[in-house]
Amino acid sequence: MAISMDLMSITKDNFLRNVLELFNNEKYKKNAETVSKIFKDQPMSQADSVVYWTEYVLRHKSAQHFKSRALNLRWYQYYLLDVLALIFVFISVVIFITTKVFKSICVINSLIFSKNYKSKPE
């Protein structure tokens, strides 16, 4: 749909070449026509749409049902801090249990191997 140019390395010749490419290449014209058709394919005109939604709001007395439910959330719920705290606690518990299990395995192994080394006659 467009040609991108780096703002820091743009030159007059580069800009002119890209503008001419946009005007002369049929691919860009076809893309613009397709996007234009999609944009213009509306069920009603913009003026009719404004009238419809204004009347809708007046009929339903400010259309409160369109307001986002996020407005009723507490700030820590809105930013999902409660979910993040739960995930943090869960991960912390898993790490704590894992370290305790590994420490107990190491202690048991050290006890077993220390007894084995002491009981061997030389």
PDB file of N, CA and C in Angstrom:
ATOM      1  N   MET A   1       0.825  -1.189   0.000  1.00  0.00           N
ATOM      2  CA  MET A   1       0.000   0.000   0.000  1.00  0.00           C
ATOM      3  C   MET A   1       0.867   1.250   0.000  1.00  0.00           C
ATOM      4  N   ALA A   2       2.101   1.154   0.524  1.00  0.00           N
ATOM      5  CA  ALA A   2       2.952   2.334   0.595  1.00  0.00           C
ATOM      6  C   ALA A   2       4.408   1.916   0.483  1.00  0.00           C
ATOM      7  N   ILE A   3       5.263   2.909   0.355  1.00  0.00           N
ATOM      8  CA  ILE A   3       6.704   2.689   0.346  1.00  0.00           C
ATOM      9  C   ILE A   3       7.242   3.322   1.615  1.00  0.00           C
ATOM     10  N   SER A   4       7.979   2.555   2.388  1.00  0.00           N
ATOM     11  CA  SER A   4       8.526   3.111   3.625  1.00  0.00           C
ATOM     12  C   SER A   4       9.906   3.693   3.347  1.00  0.00           C
ATOM     13  N   MET A   5      10.181   4.799   4.031  1.00  0.00           N
ATOM     14  CA  MET A   5      11.467   5.471   3.876  1.00  0.00           C
ATOM     15  C   MET A   5      12.005   5.790   5.260  1.00  0.00           C
ATOM     16  N   ASP A   6      13.322   5.664   5.395  1.00  0.00           N
ATOM     17  CA  ASP A   6      13.973   5.999   6.655  1.00  0.00           C
ATOM     18  C   ASP A   6      14.076   7.518   6.758  1.00  0.00           C
ATOM     19  N   LEU A   7      13.565   8.073   7.830  1.00  0.00           N
ATOM     20  CA  LEU A   7      13.497   9.521   7.983  1.00  0.00           C
ATOM     21  C   LEU A   7      14.885  10.151   8.055  1.00  0.00           C
ATOM     22  N   MET A   8      15.850   9.452   8.636  1.00  0.00           N
ATOM     23  CA  MET A   8      17.184  10.018   8.809  1.00  0.00           C
ATOM     24  C   MET A   8      18.019   9.966   7.526  1.00  0.00           C
ATOM     25  N   SER A   9      17.694   9.052   6.635  1.00  0.00           N
ATOM     26  CA  SER A   9      18.519   8.915   5.428  1.00  0.00           C
ATOM     27  C   SER A   9      17.773   9.329   4.161  1.00  0.00           C
ATOM     28  N   ILE A  10      16.714  10.087   4.296  1.00  0.00           N
ATOM     29  CA  ILE A  10      15.931  10.489   3.126  1.00  0.00           C
ATOM     30  C   ILE A  10      16.639  11.633   2.391  1.00  0.00           C
ATOM     31  N   THR A  11      16.628  11.527   1.074  1.00  0.00           N
ATOM     32  CA  THR A  11      17.191  12.583   0.234  1.00  0.00           C
ATOM     33  C   THR A  11      16.112  13.056  -0.735  1.00  0.00           C
ATOM     34  N   LYS A  12      16.401  14.166  -1.389  1.00  0.00           N
ATOM     35  CA  LYS A  12      15.440  14.720  -2.346  1.00  0.00           C
ATOM     36  C   LYS A  12      15.216  13.749  -3.501  1.00  0.00           C
ATOM     37  N   ASP A  13      16.299  13.164  -3.995  1.00  0.00           N
ATOM     38  CA  ASP A  13      16.188  12.225  -5.117  1.00  0.00           C
ATOM     39  C   ASP A  13      15.437  10.959  -4.707  1.00  0.00           C
ATOM     40  N   ASN A  14      15.750  10.462  -3.528  1.00  0.00           N
ATOM     41  CA  ASN A  14      15.086   9.255  -3.025  1.00  0.00           C
ATOM     42  C   ASN A  14      13.589   9.507  -2.850  1.00  0.00           C
ATOM     43  N   PHE A  15      13.249  10.650  -2.299  1.00  0.00           N
ATOM     44  CA  PHE A  15      11.845  11.000  -2.097  1.00  0.00           C
ATOM     45  C   PHE A  15      11.113  11.115  -3.431  1.00  0.00           C
ATOM     46  N   LEU A  16      11.724  11.808  -4.386  1.00  0.00           N
ATOM     47  CA  LEU A  16      11.113  11.988  -5.700  1.00  0.00           C
ATOM     48  C   LEU A  16      10.934  10.646  -6.408  1.00  0.00           C
ATOM     49  N   ARG A  17      11.929   9.781  -6.327  1.00  0.00           N
ATOM     50  CA  ARG A  17      11.846   8.462  -6.952  1.00  0.00           C
ATOM     51  C   ARG A  17      10.699   7.644  -6.353  1.00  0.00           C
ATOM     52  N   ASN A  18      10.536   7.694  -5.036  1.00  0.00           N
ATOM     53  CA  ASN A  18       9.460   6.940  -4.384  1.00  0.00           C
ATOM     54  C   ASN A  18       8.079   7.506  -4.714  1.00  0.00           C
ATOM     55  N   VAL A  19       7.966   8.825  -4.806  1.00  0.00           N
ATOM     56  CA  VAL A  19       6.684   9.432  -5.176  1.00  0.00           C
ATOM     57  C   VAL A  19       6.313   9.054  -6.604  1.00  0.00           C
ATOM     58  N   LEU A  20       7.287   9.103  -7.503  1.00  0.00           N
ATOM     59  CA  LEU A  20       7.020   8.701  -8.889  1.00  0.00           C
ATOM     60  C   LEU A  20       6.653   7.223  -8.971  1.00  0.00           C
ATOM     61  N   GLU A  21       7.287   6.401  -8.150  1.00  0.00           N
ATOM     62  CA  GLU A  21       6.948   4.965  -8.105  1.00  0.00           C
ATOM     63  C   GLU A  21       5.494   4.780  -7.676  1.00  0.00           C
ATOM     64  N   LEU A  22       5.062   5.548  -6.686  1.00  0.00           N
ATOM     65  CA  LEU A  22       3.671   5.456  -6.230  1.00  0.00           C
ATOM     66  C   LEU A  22       2.690   5.871  -7.323  1.00  0.00           C
ATOM     67  N   PHE A  23       3.021   6.910  -8.061  1.00  0.00           N
ATOM     68  CA  PHE A  23       2.113   7.387  -9.108  1.00  0.00           C
ATOM     69  C   PHE A  23       2.098   6.493 -10.339  1.00  0.00           C
ATOM     70  N   ASN A  24       3.221   5.915 -10.677  1.00  0.00           N
ATOM     71  CA  ASN A  24       3.335   5.183 -11.936  1.00  0.00           C
ATOM     72  C   ASN A  24       3.065   3.690 -11.827  1.00  0.00           C
ATOM     73  N   ASN A  25       3.144   3.115 -10.651  1.00  0.00           N
ATOM     74  CA  ASN A  25       2.962   1.673 -10.495  1.00  0.00           C
ATOM     75  C   ASN A  25       1.476   1.365 -10.284  1.00  0.00           C
ATOM     76  N   GLU A  26       0.938   0.489 -11.106  1.00  0.00           N
ATOM     77  CA  GLU A  26      -0.487   0.126 -11.036  1.00  0.00           C
ATOM     78  C   GLU A  26      -0.829  -0.629  -9.747  1.00  0.00           C
ATOM     79  N   LYS A  27       0.145  -1.302  -9.176  1.00  0.00           N
ATOM     80  CA  LYS A  27      -0.090  -2.083  -7.956  1.00  0.00           C
ATOM     81  C   LYS A  27      -0.607  -1.186  -6.828  1.00  0.00           C
ATOM     82  N   TYR A  28      -0.001  -0.011  -6.679  1.00  0.00           N
ATOM     83  CA  TYR A  28      -0.414   0.906  -5.619  1.00  0.00           C
ATOM     84  C   TYR A  28      -1.796   1.488  -5.903  1.00  0.00           C
ATOM     85  N   LYS A  29      -2.083   1.748  -7.165  1.00  0.00           N
ATOM     86  CA  LYS A  29      -3.397   2.275  -7.535  1.00  0.00           C
ATOM     87  C   LYS A  29      -4.486   1.251  -7.239  1.00  0.00           C
ATOM     88  N   LYS A  30      -4.234  -0.017  -7.578  1.00  0.00           N
ATOM     89  CA  LYS A  30      -5.227  -1.067  -7.316  1.00  0.00           C
ATOM     90  C   LYS A  30      -5.446  -1.254  -5.820  1.00  0.00           C
ATOM     91  N   ASN A  31      -4.362  -1.219  -5.048  1.00  0.00           N
ATOM     92  CA  ASN A  31      -4.506  -1.336  -3.591  1.00  0.00           C
ATOM     93  C   ASN A  31      -5.314  -0.179  -3.019  1.00  0.00           C
ATOM     94  N   ALA A  32      -5.066   1.030  -3.502  1.00  0.00           N
ATOM     95  CA  ALA A  32      -5.809   2.200  -3.022  1.00  0.00           C
ATOM     96  C   ALA A  32      -7.283   2.092  -3.385  1.00  0.00           C
ATOM     97  N   GLU A  33      -7.581   1.612  -4.589  1.00  0.00           N
ATOM     98  CA  GLU A  33      -8.980   1.443  -4.989  1.00  0.00           C
ATOM     99  C   GLU A  33      -9.675   0.382  -4.147  1.00  0.00           C
ATOM    100  N   THR A  34      -8.972  -0.708  -3.840  1.00  0.00           N
ATOM    101  CA  THR A  34      -9.555  -1.762  -3.005  1.00  0.00           C
ATOM    102  C   THR A  34      -9.869  -1.242  -1.606  1.00  0.00           C
ATOM    103  N   VAL A  35      -8.916  -0.541  -1.022  1.00  0.00           N
ATOM    104  CA  VAL A  35      -9.131   0.008   0.321  1.00  0.00           C
ATOM    105  C   VAL A  35     -10.248   1.046   0.295  1.00  0.00           C
ATOM    106  N   SER A  36     -10.318   1.833  -0.765  1.00  0.00           N
ATOM    107  CA  SER A  36     -11.375   2.834  -0.892  1.00  0.00           C
ATOM    108  C   SER A  36     -12.750   2.180  -0.965  1.00  0.00           C
ATOM    109  N   LYS A  37     -12.865   1.111  -1.740  1.00  0.00           N
ATOM    110  CA  LYS A  37     -14.152   0.403  -1.833  1.00  0.00           C
ATOM    111  C   LYS A  37     -14.565  -0.170  -0.481  1.00  0.00           C
ATOM    112  N   ILE A  38     -13.605  -0.752   0.228  1.00  0.00           N
ATOM    113  CA  ILE A  38     -13.913  -1.321   1.550  1.00  0.00           C
ATOM    114  C   ILE A  38     -14.357  -0.215   2.504  1.00  0.00           C
ATOM    115  N   PHE A  39     -13.664   0.914   2.480  1.00  0.00           N
ATOM    116  CA  PHE A  39     -13.992   2.019   3.375  1.00  0.00           C
ATOM    117  C   PHE A  39     -15.359   2.617   3.062  1.00  0.00           C
ATOM    118  N   LYS A  40     -15.680   2.724   1.769  1.00  0.00           N
ATOM    119  CA  LYS A  40     -16.953   3.328   1.369  1.00  0.00           C
ATOM    120  C   LYS A  40     -18.135   2.377   1.494  1.00  0.00           C
ATOM    121  N   ASP A  41     -17.888   1.100   1.677  1.00  0.00           N
ATOM    122  CA  ASP A  41     -18.968   0.113   1.778  1.00  0.00           C
ATOM    123  C   ASP A  41     -19.533   0.132   3.197  1.00  0.00           C
ATOM    124  N   GLN A  42     -20.337   1.130   3.485  1.00  0.00           N
ATOM    125  CA  GLN A  42     -20.954   1.313   4.789  1.00  0.00           C
ATOM    126  C   GLN A  42     -22.464   1.143   4.646  1.00  0.00           C
ATOM    127  N   PRO A  43     -23.140   0.647   5.690  1.00  0.00           N
ATOM    128  CA  PRO A  43     -24.587   0.456   5.586  1.00  0.00           C
ATOM    129  C   PRO A  43     -25.362   1.771   5.488  1.00  0.00           C
ATOM    130  N   MET A  44     -24.759   2.852   5.968  1.00  0.00           N
ATOM    131  CA  MET A  44     -25.414   4.159   5.874  1.00  0.00           C
ATOM    132  C   MET A  44     -24.337   5.231   5.786  1.00  0.00           C
ATOM    133  N   SER A  45     -24.728   6.405   5.382  1.00  0.00           N
ATOM    134  CA  SER A  45     -23.760   7.497   5.254  1.00  0.00           C
ATOM    135  C   SER A  45     -23.323   7.959   6.647  1.00  0.00           C
ATOM    136  N   GLN A  46     -22.264   8.750   6.681  1.00  0.00           N
ATOM    137  CA  GLN A  46     -21.765   9.244   7.964  1.00  0.00           C
ATOM    138  C   GLN A  46     -22.795  10.136   8.656  1.00  0.00           C
ATOM    139  N   ALA A  47     -23.487  10.946   7.895  1.00  0.00           N
ATOM    140  CA  ALA A  47     -24.515  11.819   8.478  1.00  0.00           C
ATOM    141  C   ALA A  47     -25.651  10.989   9.070  1.00  0.00           C
ATOM    142  N   ASP A  48     -26.086   9.957   8.342  1.00  0.00           N
ATOM    143  CA  ASP A  48     -27.139   9.078   8.863  1.00  0.00           C
ATOM    144  C   ASP A  48     -26.670   8.339  10.108  1.00  0.00           C
ATOM    145  N   SER A  49     -25.411   7.963  10.119  1.00  0.00           N
ATOM    146  CA  SER A  49     -24.860   7.263  11.282  1.00  0.00           C
ATOM    147  C   SER A  49     -24.853   8.162  12.515  1.00  0.00           C
ATOM    148  N   VAL A  50     -24.477   9.422  12.333  1.00  0.00           N
ATOM    149  CA  VAL A  50     -24.488  10.376  13.451  1.00  0.00           C
ATOM    150  C   VAL A  50     -25.902  10.559  13.974  1.00  0.00           C
ATOM    151  N   VAL A  51     -26.862  10.705  13.079  1.00  0.00           N
ATOM    152  CA  VAL A  51     -28.260  10.874  13.482  1.00  0.00           C
ATOM    153  C   VAL A  51     -28.749   9.633  14.217  1.00  0.00           C
ATOM    154  N   TYR A  52     -28.443   8.449  13.678  1.00  0.00           N
ATOM    155  CA  TYR A  52     -28.898   7.206  14.302  1.00  0.00           C
ATOM    156  C   TYR A  52     -28.364   7.080  15.720  1.00  0.00           C
ATOM    157  N   TRP A  53     -27.052   7.282  15.915  1.00  0.00           N
ATOM    158  CA  TRP A  53     -26.480   7.082  17.243  1.00  0.00           C
ATOM    159  C   TRP A  53     -26.910   8.169  18.220  1.00  0.00           C
ATOM    160  N   THR A  54     -27.141   9.368  17.733  1.00  0.00           N
ATOM    161  CA  THR A  54     -27.662  10.417  18.615  1.00  0.00           C
ATOM    162  C   THR A  54     -29.065  10.059  19.085  1.00  0.00           C
ATOM    163  N   GLU A  55     -29.905   9.609  18.167  1.00  0.00           N
ATOM    164  CA  GLU A  55     -31.257   9.186  18.547  1.00  0.00           C
ATOM    165  C   GLU A  55     -31.215   7.965  19.460  1.00  0.00           C
ATOM    166  N   TYR A  56     -30.293   7.062  19.227  1.00  0.00           N
ATOM    167  CA  TYR A  56     -30.155   5.869  20.061  1.00  0.00           C
ATOM    168  C   TYR A  56     -29.833   6.255  21.502  1.00  0.00           C
ATOM    169  N   VAL A  57     -28.885   7.168  21.663  1.00  0.00           N
ATOM    170  CA  VAL A  57     -28.511   7.615  23.010  1.00  0.00           C
ATOM    171  C   VAL A  57     -29.681   8.316  23.675  1.00  0.00           C
ATOM    172  N   LEU A  58     -30.420   9.116  22.938  1.00  0.00           N
ATOM    173  CA  LEU A  58     -31.581   9.798  23.509  1.00  0.00           C
ATOM    174  C   LEU A  58     -32.687   8.812  23.882  1.00  0.00           C
ATOM    175  N   ARG A  59     -32.909   7.797  23.045  1.00  0.00           N
ATOM    176  CA  ARG A  59     -33.936   6.788  23.332  1.00  0.00           C
ATOM    177  C   ARG A  59     -33.615   6.004  24.601  1.00  0.00           C
ATOM    178  N   HIS A  60     -32.359   5.677  24.790  1.00  0.00           N
ATOM    179  CA  HIS A  60     -31.972   4.821  25.918  1.00  0.00           C
ATOM    180  C   HIS A  60     -31.377   5.609  27.075  1.00  0.00           C
ATOM    181  N   LYS A  61     -31.524   6.889  27.039  1.00  0.00           N
ATOM    182  CA  LYS A  61     -31.099   7.765  28.128  1.00  0.00           C
ATOM    183  C   LYS A  61     -29.630   7.552  28.489  1.00  0.00           C
ATOM    184  N   SER A  62     -28.764   7.962  27.627  1.00  0.00           N
ATOM    185  CA  SER A  62     -27.303   8.003  27.751  1.00  0.00           C
ATOM    186  C   SER A  62     -26.606   6.676  27.489  1.00  0.00           C
ATOM    187  N   ALA A  63     -27.309   5.634  27.184  1.00  0.00           N
ATOM    188  CA  ALA A  63     -26.717   4.352  26.769  1.00  0.00           C
ATOM    189  C   ALA A  63     -25.617   3.888  27.722  1.00  0.00           C
ATOM    190  N   GLN A  64     -25.973   3.754  28.987  1.00  0.00           N
ATOM    191  CA  GLN A  64     -25.001   3.314  29.991  1.00  0.00           C
ATOM    192  C   GLN A  64     -24.478   1.904  29.716  1.00  0.00           C
ATOM    193  N   HIS A  65     -25.259   1.112  29.006  1.00  0.00           N
ATOM    194  CA  HIS A  65     -24.849  -0.270  28.747  1.00  0.00           C
ATOM    195  C   HIS A  65     -23.667  -0.353  27.780  1.00  0.00           C
ATOM    196  N   PHE A  66     -23.296   0.752  27.150  1.00  0.00           N
ATOM    197  CA  PHE A  66     -22.126   0.761  26.274  1.00  0.00           C
ATOM    198  C   PHE A  66     -20.838   1.066  27.022  1.00  0.00           C
ATOM    199  N   LYS A  67     -20.945   1.513  28.246  1.00  0.00           N
ATOM    200  CA  LYS A  67     -19.741   1.840  29.001  1.00  0.00           C
ATOM    201  C   LYS A  67     -18.966   0.569  29.318  1.00  0.00           C
ATOM    202  N   SER A  68     -17.686   0.702  29.342  1.00  0.00           N
ATOM    203  CA  SER A  68     -16.811  -0.439  29.595  1.00  0.00           C
ATOM    204  C   SER A  68     -16.951  -0.907  31.040  1.00  0.00           C
ATOM    205  N   ARG A  69     -16.967  -2.206  31.227  1.00  0.00           N
ATOM    206  CA  ARG A  69     -17.023  -2.763  32.581  1.00  0.00           C
ATOM    207  C   ARG A  69     -15.720  -2.511  33.332  1.00  0.00           C
ATOM    208  N   ALA A  70     -14.668  -2.178  32.621  1.00  0.00           N
ATOM    209  CA  ALA A  70     -13.382  -1.895  33.259  1.00  0.00           C
ATOM    210  C   ALA A  70     -13.453  -0.654  34.142  1.00  0.00           C
ATOM    211  N   LEU A  71     -14.432   0.210  33.896  1.00  0.00           N
ATOM    212  CA  LEU A  71     -14.589   1.400  34.731  1.00  0.00           C
ATOM    213  C   LEU A  71     -14.996   1.039  36.155  1.00  0.00           C
ATOM    214  N   ASN A  72     -15.588  -0.139  36.346  1.00  0.00           N
ATOM    215  CA  ASN A  72     -16.040  -0.557  37.670  1.00  0.00           C
ATOM    216  C   ASN A  72     -14.987  -1.356  38.426  1.00  0.00           C
ATOM    217  N   LEU A  73     -13.862  -1.643  37.805  1.00  0.00           N
ATOM    218  CA  LEU A  73     -12.825  -2.437  38.461  1.00  0.00           C
ATOM    219  C   LEU A  73     -11.964  -1.562  39.353  1.00  0.00           C
ATOM    220  N   ARG A  74     -11.402  -2.182  40.384  1.00  0.00           N
ATOM    221  CA  ARG A  74     -10.422  -1.485  41.204  1.00  0.00           C
ATOM    222  C   ARG A  74      -9.121  -1.400  40.414  1.00  0.00           C
ATOM    223  N   TRP A  75      -8.244  -0.483  40.784  1.00  0.00           N
ATOM    224  CA  TRP A  75      -7.034  -0.239  39.994  1.00  0.00           C
ATOM    225  C   TRP A  75      -6.147  -1.465  39.920  1.00  0.00           C
ATOM    226  N   TYR A  76      -6.060  -2.232  41.007  1.00  0.00           N
ATOM    227  CA  TYR A  76      -5.189  -3.410  40.976  1.00  0.00           C
ATOM    228  C   TYR A  76      -5.809  -4.532  40.145  1.00  0.00           C
ATOM    229  N   GLN A  77      -7.125  -4.528  39.995  1.00  0.00           N
ATOM    230  CA  GLN A  77      -7.760  -5.493  39.099  1.00  0.00           C
ATOM    231  C   GLN A  77      -7.624  -5.047  37.645  1.00  0.00           C
ATOM    232  N   TYR A  78      -7.724  -3.754  37.417  1.00  0.00           N
ATOM    233  CA  TYR A  78      -7.614  -3.223  36.058  1.00  0.00           C
ATOM    234  C   TYR A  78      -6.241  -3.533  35.462  1.00  0.00           C
ATOM    235  N   TYR A  79      -5.201  -3.393  36.276  1.00  0.00           N
ATOM    236  CA  TYR A  79      -3.843  -3.672  35.800  1.00  0.00           C
ATOM    237  C   TYR A  79      -3.427  -5.124  36.040  1.00  0.00           C
ATOM    238  N   LEU A  80      -4.366  -5.968  36.448  1.00  0.00           N
ATOM    239  CA  LEU A  80      -4.154  -7.404  36.674  1.00  0.00           C
ATOM    240  C   LEU A  80      -3.085  -7.679  37.725  1.00  0.00           C
ATOM    241  N   LEU A  81      -2.938  -6.770  38.679  1.00  0.00           N
ATOM    242  CA  LEU A  81      -1.948  -6.979  39.725  1.00  0.00           C
ATOM    243  C   LEU A  81      -2.341  -8.129  40.637  1.00  0.00           C
ATOM    244  N   ASP A  82      -3.640  -8.368  40.814  1.00  0.00           N
ATOM    245  CA  ASP A  82      -4.068  -9.492  41.634  1.00  0.00           C
ATOM    246  C   ASP A  82      -3.692 -10.814  40.970  1.00  0.00           C
ATOM    247  N   VAL A  83      -3.815 -10.882  39.662  1.00  0.00           N
ATOM    248  CA  VAL A  83      -3.434 -12.101  38.936  1.00  0.00           C
ATOM    249  C   VAL A  83      -1.925 -12.282  38.979  1.00  0.00           C
ATOM    250  N   LEU A  84      -1.189 -11.193  38.775  1.00  0.00           N
ATOM    251  CA  LEU A  84       0.272 -11.276  38.829  1.00  0.00           C
ATOM    252  C   LEU A  84       0.751 -11.680  40.217  1.00  0.00           C
ATOM    253  N   ALA A  85       0.096 -11.183  41.255  1.00  0.00           N
ATOM    254  CA  ALA A  85       0.469 -11.568  42.615  1.00  0.00           C
ATOM    255  C   ALA A  85       0.220 -13.053  42.842  1.00  0.00           C
ATOM    256  N   LEU A  86      -0.896 -13.559  42.344  1.00  0.00           N
ATOM    257  CA  LEU A  86      -1.192 -14.980  42.479  1.00  0.00           C
ATOM    258  C   LEU A  86      -0.157 -15.831  41.743  1.00  0.00           C
ATOM    259  N   ILE A  87       0.207 -15.427  40.546  1.00  0.00           N
ATOM    260  CA  ILE A  87       1.224 -16.159  39.788  1.00  0.00           C
ATOM    261  C   ILE A  87       2.567 -16.102  40.508  1.00  0.00           C
ATOM    262  N   PHE A  88       2.921 -14.942  41.046  1.00  0.00           N
ATOM    263  CA  PHE A  88       4.172 -14.798  41.782  1.00  0.00           C
ATOM    264  C   PHE A  88       4.196 -15.700  43.008  1.00  0.00           C
ATOM    265  N   VAL A  89       3.098 -15.740  43.752  1.00  0.00           N
ATOM    266  CA  VAL A  89       3.026 -16.609  44.934  1.00  0.00           C
ATOM    267  C   VAL A  89       3.137 -18.071  44.524  1.00  0.00           C
ATOM    268  N   PHE A  90       2.454 -18.465  43.468  1.00  0.00           N
ATOM    269  CA  PHE A  90       2.511 -19.849  42.995  1.00  0.00           C
ATOM    270  C   PHE A  90       3.933 -20.237  42.597  1.00  0.00           C
ATOM    271  N   ILE A  91       4.589 -19.378  41.832  1.00  0.00           N
ATOM    272  CA  ILE A  91       5.962 -19.676  41.410  1.00  0.00           C
ATOM    273  C   ILE A  91       6.899 -19.708  42.611  1.00  0.00           C
ATOM    274  N   SER A  92       6.696 -18.810  43.566  1.00  0.00           N
ATOM    275  CA  SER A  92       7.530 -18.798  44.771  1.00  0.00           C
ATOM    276  C   SER A  92       7.358 -20.078  45.572  1.00  0.00           C
ATOM    277  N   VAL A  93       6.124 -20.554  45.704  1.00  0.00           N
ATOM    278  CA  VAL A  93       5.871 -21.798  46.438  1.00  0.00           C
ATOM    279  C   VAL A  93       6.522 -22.975  45.724  1.00  0.00           C
ATOM    280  N   VAL A  94       6.414 -23.018  44.412  1.00  0.00           N
ATOM    281  CA  VAL A  94       7.031 -24.109  43.648  1.00  0.00           C
ATOM    282  C   VAL A  94       8.546 -24.083  43.821  1.00  0.00           C
ATOM    283  N   ILE A  95       9.153 -22.915  43.745  1.00  0.00           N
ATOM    284  CA  ILE A  95      10.606 -22.807  43.929  1.00  0.00           C
ATOM    285  C   ILE A  95      10.995 -23.198  45.345  1.00  0.00           C
ATOM    286  N   PHE A  96      10.231 -22.757  46.335  1.00  0.00           N
ATOM    287  CA  PHE A  96      10.523 -23.091  47.729  1.00  0.00           C
ATOM    288  C   PHE A  96      10.460 -24.600  47.950  1.00  0.00           C
ATOM    289  N   ILE A  97       9.394 -25.234  47.472  1.00  0.00           N
ATOM    290  CA  ILE A  97       9.247 -26.683  47.645  1.00  0.00           C
ATOM    291  C   ILE A  97      10.355 -27.426  46.906  1.00  0.00           C
ATOM    292  N   THR A  98      10.680 -26.983  45.706  1.00  0.00           N
ATOM    293  CA  THR A  98      11.733 -27.638  44.929  1.00  0.00           C
ATOM    294  C   THR A  98      13.077 -27.542  45.638  1.00  0.00           C
ATOM    295  N   THR A  99      13.410 -26.377  46.170  1.00  0.00           N
ATOM    296  CA  THR A  99      14.686 -26.243  46.877  1.00  0.00           C
ATOM    297  C   THR A  99      14.712 -27.084  48.144  1.00  0.00           C
ATOM    298  N   LYS A 100      13.600 -27.143  48.862  1.00  0.00           N
ATOM    299  CA  LYS A 100      13.556 -27.977  50.070  1.00  0.00           C
ATOM    300  C   LYS A 100      13.727 -29.452  49.717  1.00  0.00           C
ATOM    301  N   VAL A 101      13.079 -29.894  48.648  1.00  0.00           N
ATOM    302  CA  VAL A 101      13.205 -31.296  48.227  1.00  0.00           C
ATOM    303  C   VAL A 101      14.642 -31.589  47.828  1.00  0.00           C
ATOM    304  N   PHE A 102      15.265 -30.720  47.048  1.00  0.00           N
ATOM    305  CA  PHE A 102      16.652 -30.949  46.637  1.00  0.00           C
ATOM    306  C   PHE A 102      17.603 -30.917  47.821  1.00  0.00           C
ATOM    307  N   LYS A 103      17.374 -30.018  48.772  1.00  0.00           N
ATOM    308  CA  LYS A 103      18.223 -29.978  49.965  1.00  0.00           C
ATOM    309  C   LYS A 103      18.081 -31.255  50.776  1.00  0.00           C
ATOM    310  N   SER A 104      16.842 -31.734  50.927  1.00  0.00           N
ATOM    311  CA  SER A 104      16.657 -32.972  51.689  1.00  0.00           C
ATOM    312  C   SER A 104      17.273 -34.158  50.953  1.00  0.00           C
ATOM    313  N   ILE A 105      17.196 -34.182  49.636  1.00  0.00           N
ATOM    314  CA  ILE A 105      17.839 -35.255  48.863  1.00  0.00           C
ATOM    315  C   ILE A 105      19.349 -35.190  49.045  1.00  0.00           C
ATOM    316  N   CYS A 106      19.904 -33.993  49.028  1.00  0.00           N
ATOM    317  CA  CYS A 106      21.349 -33.845  49.228  1.00  0.00           C
ATOM    318  C   CYS A 106      21.763 -34.298  50.621  1.00  0.00           C
ATOM    319  N   VAL A 107      20.972 -33.949  51.631  1.00  0.00           N
ATOM    320  CA  VAL A 107      21.286 -34.370  53.000  1.00  0.00           C
ATOM    321  C   VAL A 107      21.209 -35.884  53.119  1.00  0.00           C
ATOM    322  N   ILE A 108      20.177 -36.481  52.563  1.00  0.00           N
ATOM    323  CA  ILE A 108      20.027 -37.941  52.618  1.00  0.00           C
ATOM    324  C   ILE A 108      21.178 -38.613  51.880  1.00  0.00           C
ATOM    325  N   ASN A 109      21.526 -38.101  50.713  1.00  0.00           N
ATOM    326  CA  ASN A 109      22.647 -38.671  49.958  1.00  0.00           C
ATOM    327  C   ASN A 109      23.956 -38.536  50.717  1.00  0.00           C
ATOM    328  N   SER A 110      24.173 -37.397  51.335  1.00  0.00           N
ATOM    329  CA  SER A 110      25.421 -37.219  52.079  1.00  0.00           C
ATOM    330  C   SER A 110      25.473 -38.155  53.281  1.00  0.00           C
ATOM    331  N   LEU A 111      24.340 -38.395  53.931  1.00  0.00           N
ATOM    332  CA  LEU A 111      24.321 -39.337  55.049  1.00  0.00           C
ATOM    333  C   LEU A 111      24.575 -40.763  54.571  1.00  0.00           C
ATOM    334  N   ILE A 112      23.955 -41.138  53.489  1.00  0.00           N
ATOM    335  CA  ILE A 112      24.124 -42.498  52.956  1.00  0.00           C
ATOM    336  C   ILE A 112      25.562 -42.710  52.506  1.00  0.00           C
ATOM    337  N   PHE A 113      26.111 -41.776  51.747  1.00  0.00           N
ATOM    338  CA  PHE A 113      27.466 -41.951  51.233  1.00  0.00           C
ATOM    339  C   PHE A 113      28.509 -41.824  52.331  1.00  0.00           C
ATOM    340  N   SER A 114      28.258 -41.000  53.338  1.00  0.00           N
ATOM    341  CA  SER A 114      29.231 -40.891  54.429  1.00  0.00           C
ATOM    342  C   SER A 114      29.257 -42.180  55.244  1.00  0.00           C
ATOM    343  N   LYS A 115      28.122 -42.843  55.418  1.00  0.00           N
ATOM    344  CA  LYS A 115      28.092 -44.128  56.120  1.00  0.00           C
ATOM    345  C   LYS A 115      28.786 -45.199  55.288  1.00  0.00           C
ATOM    346  N   ASN A 116      28.579 -45.159  53.980  1.00  0.00           N
ATOM    347  CA  ASN A 116      29.218 -46.146  53.110  1.00  0.00           C
ATOM    348  C   ASN A 116      30.729 -45.997  53.131  1.00  0.00           C
ATOM    349  N   TYR A 117      31.233 -44.798  53.147  1.00  0.00           N
ATOM    350  CA  TYR A 117      32.674 -44.591  53.162  1.00  0.00           C
ATOM    351  C   TYR A 117      33.270 -44.985  54.506  1.00  0.00           C
ATOM    352  N   LYS A 118      32.555 -44.733  55.597  1.00  0.00           N
ATOM    353  CA  LYS A 118      33.064 -45.081  56.920  1.00  0.00           C
ATOM    354  C   LYS A 118      33.048 -46.580  57.157  1.00  0.00           C
ATOM    355  N   SER A 119      32.087 -47.273  56.581  1.00  0.00           N
ATOM    356  CA  SER A 119      31.964 -48.703  56.845  1.00  0.00           C
ATOM    357  C   SER A 119      32.908 -49.545  55.997  1.00  0.00           C
ATOM    358  N   LYS A 120      33.547 -48.978  54.980  1.00  0.00           N
ATOM    359  CA  LYS A 120      34.452 -49.746  54.141  1.00  0.00           C
ATOM    360  C   LYS A 120      35.762 -49.987  54.891  1.00  0.00           C
ATOM    361  N   PRO A 121      36.187 -51.231  54.976  1.00  0.00           N
ATOM    362  CA  PRO A 121      37.492 -51.505  55.606  1.00  0.00           C
ATOM    363  C   PRO A 121      38.620 -51.193  54.617  1.00  0.00           C
ATOM    364  N   GLU A 122      39.731 -50.749  55.151  1.00  0.00           N
ATOM    365  CA  GLU A 122      40.854 -50.420  54.278  1.00  0.00           C
ATOM    366  C   GLU A 122      41.983 -51.372  54.433  1.00  0.00           C
TER     367      GLU A 122
END
